[in-house]
Amino acid sequence: MFTIKWNGDSVTILDQRLLPGSEVYNTYRHYIDVADSIRNMEIRGAPAIGIAAAMGIALAAVQSKTAGADKFREELHAVCGVFAATRPTAVNLFASIARMKRIIDGGSDVAAMRQEL
């Protein structure tokens, strides 16, 4: 059993709302769906929420078609805002978002930023 898994082009999350009765995994291919899983309490626990947010931001970065660094940063800052709105009191969530923003703000090459995220 695992809580969350990075698949390269998707994120798989254990639906903790169904525990202990059922072990159901949902695979999400869009960052909005990962954000919804946090908001809907599908994934629980401060560390897991932070990890889910980081993976959701990374998923958005991998799937982005934006080529220019400035536009890429702008796009990912908006994605970070989506995750910040999911659970406004979750400390680990905001720590993960801040870590991802440091990478986003510190990069000048889109491919390198995608790789690091």
N, C-alpha and C. Protein backbone atom coordinates (compact mmCIF):
# COMPACT_ATOMS: atom_id res chain seq x y z
N MET A 1 0.85 -1.18 0.00
CA MET A 1 0.00 0.00 0.00
C MET A 1 0.90 1.24 0.00
N PHE A 2 0.54 2.20 -0.80
CA PHE A 2 1.24 3.48 -0.83
C PHE A 2 0.20 4.60 -0.80
N THR A 3 0.63 5.78 -0.40
CA THR A 3 -0.28 6.92 -0.31
C THR A 3 -0.32 7.71 -1.60
N ILE A 4 0.88 7.92 -2.19
CA ILE A 4 0.98 8.73 -3.40
C ILE A 4 2.16 8.24 -4.22
N LYS A 5 2.01 8.30 -5.54
CA LYS A 5 3.07 7.80 -6.43
C LYS A 5 3.17 8.69 -7.66
N TRP A 6 4.41 9.05 -8.01
CA TRP A 6 4.70 9.82 -9.22
C TRP A 6 4.91 8.84 -10.35
N ASN A 7 4.21 9.04 -11.46
CA ASN A 7 4.30 8.15 -12.61
C ASN A 7 4.97 8.79 -13.83
N GLY A 8 5.47 9.99 -13.69
CA GLY A 8 6.10 10.68 -14.81
C GLY A 8 5.14 11.58 -15.57
N ASP A 9 3.97 11.06 -15.91
CA ASP A 9 2.97 11.87 -16.61
C ASP A 9 1.63 11.88 -15.87
N SER A 10 1.65 11.35 -14.65
CA SER A 10 0.44 11.32 -13.83
C SER A 10 0.83 11.10 -12.37
N VAL A 11 -0.15 11.26 -11.49
CA VAL A 11 0.04 11.03 -10.06
C VAL A 11 -1.06 10.08 -9.60
N THR A 12 -0.67 9.04 -8.87
CA THR A 12 -1.64 8.09 -8.33
C THR A 12 -1.75 8.32 -6.83
N ILE A 13 -2.99 8.44 -6.36
CA ILE A 13 -3.27 8.77 -4.96
C ILE A 13 -4.22 7.74 -4.36
N LEU A 14 -3.89 7.27 -3.16
CA LEU A 14 -4.78 6.39 -2.41
C LEU A 14 -5.93 7.23 -1.86
N ASP A 15 -7.15 6.82 -2.14
CA ASP A 15 -8.32 7.55 -1.64
C ASP A 15 -8.52 7.17 -0.17
N GLN A 16 -7.98 8.00 0.71
CA GLN A 16 -7.99 7.71 2.14
C GLN A 16 -9.38 7.85 2.76
N ARG A 17 -10.30 8.44 2.04
CA ARG A 17 -11.68 8.55 2.54
C ARG A 17 -12.33 7.17 2.64
N LEU A 18 -11.84 6.22 1.85
CA LEU A 18 -12.46 4.90 1.78
C LEU A 18 -11.82 3.89 2.73
N LEU A 19 -10.74 4.29 3.39
CA LEU A 19 -10.07 3.40 4.33
C LEU A 19 -10.88 3.29 5.62
N PRO A 20 -10.87 2.22 6.34
CA PRO A 20 -10.14 0.99 6.07
C PRO A 20 -10.91 -0.02 5.22
N GLY A 21 -12.11 0.33 4.82
CA GLY A 21 -12.96 -0.61 4.09
C GLY A 21 -12.47 -0.99 2.71
N SER A 22 -11.91 -0.03 1.98
CA SER A 22 -11.48 -0.29 0.60
C SER A 22 -10.14 0.39 0.34
N GLU A 23 -9.35 -0.26 -0.49
CA GLU A 23 -8.07 0.30 -0.93
C GLU A 23 -8.23 0.66 -2.42
N VAL A 24 -8.54 1.94 -2.67
CA VAL A 24 -8.81 2.41 -4.02
C VAL A 24 -7.79 3.48 -4.38
N TYR A 25 -7.18 3.31 -5.55
CA TYR A 25 -6.21 4.28 -6.05
C TYR A 25 -6.80 5.00 -7.26
N ASN A 26 -6.59 6.31 -7.30
CA ASN A 26 -7.03 7.12 -8.43
C ASN A 26 -5.80 7.73 -9.08
N THR A 27 -5.75 7.66 -10.40
CA THR A 27 -4.63 8.23 -11.15
C THR A 27 -5.10 9.49 -11.85
N TYR A 28 -4.35 10.56 -11.63
CA TYR A 28 -4.70 11.87 -12.17
C TYR A 28 -3.64 12.32 -13.16
N ARG A 29 -4.11 12.83 -14.29
CA ARG A 29 -3.22 13.28 -15.35
C ARG A 29 -3.20 14.80 -15.50
N HIS A 30 -3.94 15.50 -14.64
CA HIS A 30 -3.98 16.96 -14.69
C HIS A 30 -3.85 17.51 -13.28
N TYR A 31 -3.10 18.61 -13.16
CA TYR A 31 -2.85 19.17 -11.83
C TYR A 31 -4.13 19.58 -11.10
N ILE A 32 -5.15 20.00 -11.83
CA ILE A 32 -6.41 20.40 -11.20
C ILE A 32 -7.02 19.23 -10.43
N ASP A 33 -6.90 18.03 -11.00
CA ASP A 33 -7.44 16.85 -10.33
C ASP A 33 -6.66 16.53 -9.05
N VAL A 34 -5.35 16.74 -9.08
CA VAL A 34 -4.53 16.54 -7.87
C VAL A 34 -4.95 17.57 -6.81
N ALA A 35 -5.13 18.81 -7.23
CA ALA A 35 -5.58 19.85 -6.29
C ALA A 35 -6.94 19.50 -5.70
N ASP A 36 -7.84 19.00 -6.53
CA ASP A 36 -9.16 18.59 -6.04
C ASP A 36 -9.05 17.46 -5.02
N SER A 37 -8.10 16.55 -5.23
CA SER A 37 -7.93 15.44 -4.29
C SER A 37 -7.48 15.94 -2.92
N ILE A 38 -6.71 17.03 -2.89
CA ILE A 38 -6.32 17.64 -1.62
C ILE A 38 -7.54 18.33 -1.00
N ARG A 39 -8.22 19.12 -1.79
CA ARG A 39 -9.38 19.88 -1.32
C ARG A 39 -10.47 18.95 -0.77
N ASN A 40 -10.69 17.83 -1.45
CA ASN A 40 -11.76 16.90 -1.07
C ASN A 40 -11.33 15.90 0.00
N MET A 41 -10.13 16.08 0.51
CA MET A 41 -9.57 15.23 1.57
C MET A 41 -9.42 13.78 1.16
N GLU A 42 -9.20 13.56 -0.12
CA GLU A 42 -8.88 12.21 -0.60
C GLU A 42 -7.52 11.81 -0.05
N ILE A 43 -6.63 12.78 0.01
CA ILE A 43 -5.31 12.54 0.59
C ILE A 43 -5.24 13.34 1.88
N ARG A 44 -4.72 12.69 2.92
CA ARG A 44 -4.73 13.31 4.25
C ARG A 44 -3.36 13.17 4.88
N GLY A 45 -3.14 14.02 5.89
CA GLY A 45 -1.87 14.02 6.60
C GLY A 45 -0.97 15.10 6.03
N ALA A 46 -0.41 15.90 6.91
CA ALA A 46 0.37 17.06 6.48
C ALA A 46 1.49 16.72 5.50
N PRO A 47 2.33 15.72 5.78
CA PRO A 47 3.40 15.41 4.81
C PRO A 47 2.86 14.98 3.45
N ALA A 48 1.83 14.14 3.45
CA ALA A 48 1.26 13.65 2.19
C ALA A 48 0.63 14.78 1.39
N ILE A 49 0.00 15.72 2.07
CA ILE A 49 -0.59 16.87 1.37
C ILE A 49 0.50 17.70 0.71
N GLY A 50 1.59 17.93 1.41
CA GLY A 50 2.71 18.68 0.83
C GLY A 50 3.31 17.98 -0.37
N ILE A 51 3.46 16.67 -0.27
CA ILE A 51 4.01 15.89 -1.38
C ILE A 51 3.06 15.92 -2.57
N ALA A 52 1.77 15.78 -2.31
CA ALA A 52 0.78 15.82 -3.40
C ALA A 52 0.82 17.16 -4.12
N ALA A 53 0.94 18.25 -3.37
CA ALA A 53 1.02 19.57 -4.00
C ALA A 53 2.27 19.69 -4.87
N ALA A 54 3.41 19.24 -4.35
CA ALA A 54 4.65 19.30 -5.12
C ALA A 54 4.53 18.47 -6.40
N MET A 55 3.95 17.29 -6.29
CA MET A 55 3.77 16.45 -7.48
C MET A 55 2.78 17.07 -8.46
N GLY A 56 1.75 17.72 -7.95
CA GLY A 56 0.80 18.39 -8.83
C GLY A 56 1.44 19.54 -9.59
N ILE A 57 2.29 20.30 -8.91
CA ILE A 57 3.00 21.41 -9.57
C ILE A 57 3.98 20.85 -10.60
N ALA A 58 4.68 19.78 -10.23
CA ALA A 58 5.60 19.14 -11.18
C ALA A 58 4.84 18.60 -12.40
N LEU A 59 3.66 18.05 -12.17
CA LEU A 59 2.83 17.55 -13.28
C LEU A 59 2.47 18.68 -14.23
N ALA A 60 2.09 19.83 -13.67
CA ALA A 60 1.78 20.99 -14.51
C ALA A 60 3.00 21.43 -15.30
N ALA A 61 4.17 21.38 -14.68
CA ALA A 61 5.40 21.77 -15.37
C ALA A 61 5.72 20.83 -16.52
N VAL A 62 5.59 19.53 -16.27
CA VAL A 62 5.87 18.53 -17.30
C VAL A 62 4.92 18.67 -18.48
N GLN A 63 3.67 18.98 -18.20
CA GLN A 63 2.66 19.04 -19.25
C GLN A 63 2.56 20.40 -19.94
N SER A 64 3.22 21.39 -19.39
CA SER A 64 3.16 22.74 -19.96
C SER A 64 3.76 22.76 -21.36
N LYS A 65 3.11 23.48 -22.23
CA LYS A 65 3.61 23.66 -23.61
C LYS A 65 4.35 24.99 -23.75
N THR A 66 4.43 25.74 -22.67
CA THR A 66 5.05 27.06 -22.69
C THR A 66 6.56 26.92 -22.87
N ALA A 67 7.12 27.70 -23.80
CA ALA A 67 8.55 27.61 -24.09
C ALA A 67 9.37 28.70 -23.40
N GLY A 68 8.83 29.90 -23.29
CA GLY A 68 9.58 31.01 -22.70
C GLY A 68 9.59 30.95 -21.19
N ALA A 69 10.75 31.26 -20.59
CA ALA A 69 10.91 31.17 -19.14
C ALA A 69 9.95 32.07 -18.38
N ASP A 70 9.76 33.30 -18.84
CA ASP A 70 8.87 34.23 -18.13
C ASP A 70 7.43 33.73 -18.13
N LYS A 71 6.96 33.27 -19.27
CA LYS A 71 5.58 32.75 -19.37
C LYS A 71 5.43 31.46 -18.56
N PHE A 72 6.47 30.64 -18.58
CA PHE A 72 6.47 29.39 -17.82
C PHE A 72 6.35 29.69 -16.32
N ARG A 73 7.14 30.65 -15.85
CA ARG A 73 7.08 31.06 -14.44
C ARG A 73 5.68 31.57 -14.09
N GLU A 74 5.14 32.40 -14.97
CA GLU A 74 3.80 32.97 -14.75
C GLU A 74 2.75 31.85 -14.65
N GLU A 75 2.84 30.91 -15.56
CA GLU A 75 1.91 29.79 -15.58
C GLU A 75 2.01 28.97 -14.28
N LEU A 76 3.24 28.69 -13.86
CA LEU A 76 3.41 27.86 -12.67
C LEU A 76 3.08 28.60 -11.38
N HIS A 77 3.27 29.91 -11.37
CA HIS A 77 2.83 30.68 -10.20
C HIS A 77 1.31 30.60 -10.05
N ALA A 78 0.60 30.60 -11.17
CA ALA A 78 -0.86 30.44 -11.13
C ALA A 78 -1.23 29.05 -10.60
N VAL A 79 -0.49 28.04 -11.03
CA VAL A 79 -0.72 26.68 -10.55
C VAL A 79 -0.48 26.61 -9.04
N CYS A 80 0.59 27.26 -8.57
CA CYS A 80 0.87 27.30 -7.13
C CYS A 80 -0.30 27.94 -6.38
N GLY A 81 -0.90 28.95 -6.96
CA GLY A 81 -2.06 29.59 -6.35
C GLY A 81 -3.24 28.65 -6.22
N VAL A 82 -3.43 27.80 -7.21
CA VAL A 82 -4.51 26.80 -7.15
C VAL A 82 -4.28 25.87 -5.96
N PHE A 83 -3.04 25.42 -5.79
CA PHE A 83 -2.75 24.52 -4.67
C PHE A 83 -2.85 25.23 -3.33
N ALA A 84 -2.43 26.48 -3.27
CA ALA A 84 -2.52 27.24 -2.02
C ALA A 84 -3.97 27.39 -1.55
N ALA A 85 -4.89 27.44 -2.48
CA ALA A 85 -6.30 27.61 -2.15
C ALA A 85 -6.97 26.32 -1.68
N THR A 86 -6.29 25.18 -1.83
CA THR A 86 -6.94 23.91 -1.49
C THR A 86 -7.12 23.72 0.01
N ARG A 87 -6.12 24.05 0.79
CA ARG A 87 -6.16 23.88 2.25
C ARG A 87 -5.37 25.03 2.85
N PRO A 88 -5.99 26.19 3.01
CA PRO A 88 -5.26 27.41 3.39
C PRO A 88 -4.55 27.38 4.74
N THR A 89 -4.80 26.38 5.57
CA THR A 89 -4.13 26.33 6.87
C THR A 89 -3.07 25.22 6.95
N ALA A 90 -2.82 24.53 5.87
CA ALA A 90 -1.89 23.40 5.87
C ALA A 90 -0.44 23.89 5.73
N VAL A 91 0.31 23.79 6.81
CA VAL A 91 1.68 24.30 6.84
C VAL A 91 2.58 23.57 5.84
N ASN A 92 2.52 22.24 5.80
CA ASN A 92 3.37 21.48 4.88
C ASN A 92 3.04 21.80 3.43
N LEU A 93 1.79 22.07 3.16
CA LEU A 93 1.38 22.45 1.81
C LEU A 93 2.12 23.71 1.38
N PHE A 94 2.12 24.71 2.24
CA PHE A 94 2.77 25.97 1.89
C PHE A 94 4.29 25.85 1.86
N ALA A 95 4.85 24.97 2.67
CA ALA A 95 6.29 24.72 2.62
C ALA A 95 6.67 24.10 1.27
N SER A 96 5.86 23.17 0.79
CA SER A 96 6.12 22.54 -0.51
C SER A 96 5.96 23.54 -1.65
N ILE A 97 4.94 24.36 -1.57
CA ILE A 97 4.73 25.39 -2.60
C ILE A 97 5.91 26.35 -2.62
N ALA A 98 6.38 26.77 -1.45
CA ALA A 98 7.52 27.69 -1.37
C ALA A 98 8.77 27.06 -1.97
N ARG A 99 8.97 25.78 -1.71
CA ARG A 99 10.15 25.09 -2.28
C ARG A 99 10.06 25.05 -3.81
N MET A 100 8.88 24.75 -4.32
CA MET A 100 8.71 24.71 -5.78
C MET A 100 8.88 26.10 -6.38
N LYS A 101 8.38 27.13 -5.69
CA LYS A 101 8.53 28.50 -6.20
C LYS A 101 9.99 28.93 -6.26
N ARG A 102 10.80 28.47 -5.31
CA ARG A 102 12.24 28.80 -5.36
C ARG A 102 12.87 28.24 -6.62
N ILE A 103 12.48 27.05 -7.00
CA ILE A 103 13.00 26.45 -8.24
C ILE A 103 12.49 27.23 -9.44
N ILE A 104 11.21 27.54 -9.44
CA ILE A 104 10.59 28.28 -10.55
C ILE A 104 11.24 29.65 -10.71
N ASP A 105 11.41 30.36 -9.60
CA ASP A 105 11.95 31.72 -9.65
C ASP A 105 13.45 31.75 -9.92
N GLY A 106 14.14 30.67 -9.61
CA GLY A 106 15.59 30.65 -9.77
C GLY A 106 16.06 30.17 -11.12
N GLY A 107 15.16 29.69 -11.94
CA GLY A 107 15.55 29.12 -13.22
C GLY A 107 15.45 30.10 -14.36
N SER A 108 16.28 29.88 -15.37
CA SER A 108 16.21 30.71 -16.57
C SER A 108 15.94 29.87 -17.82
N ASP A 109 16.03 28.56 -17.67
CA ASP A 109 15.82 27.65 -18.78
C ASP A 109 14.63 26.74 -18.46
N VAL A 110 13.64 26.73 -19.32
CA VAL A 110 12.41 25.98 -19.07
C VAL A 110 12.69 24.49 -18.91
N ALA A 111 13.51 23.93 -19.79
CA ALA A 111 13.80 22.49 -19.71
C ALA A 111 14.48 22.14 -18.39
N ALA A 112 15.39 22.97 -17.94
CA ALA A 112 16.08 22.73 -16.67
C ALA A 112 15.12 22.85 -15.49
N MET A 113 14.23 23.84 -15.55
CA MET A 113 13.24 24.00 -14.48
C MET A 113 12.32 22.78 -14.42
N ARG A 114 11.87 22.31 -15.59
CA ARG A 114 11.00 21.13 -15.62
C ARG A 114 11.70 19.94 -14.97
N GLN A 115 12.95 19.76 -15.33
CA GLN A 115 13.72 18.64 -14.80
C GLN A 115 13.87 18.74 -13.28
N GLU A 116 14.19 19.93 -12.79
CA GLU A 116 14.41 20.10 -11.35
C GLU A 116 13.11 19.97 -10.56
N LEU A 117 12.02 20.46 -11.13
CA LEU A 117 10.73 20.34 -10.44
C LEU A 117 10.34 18.88 -10.34
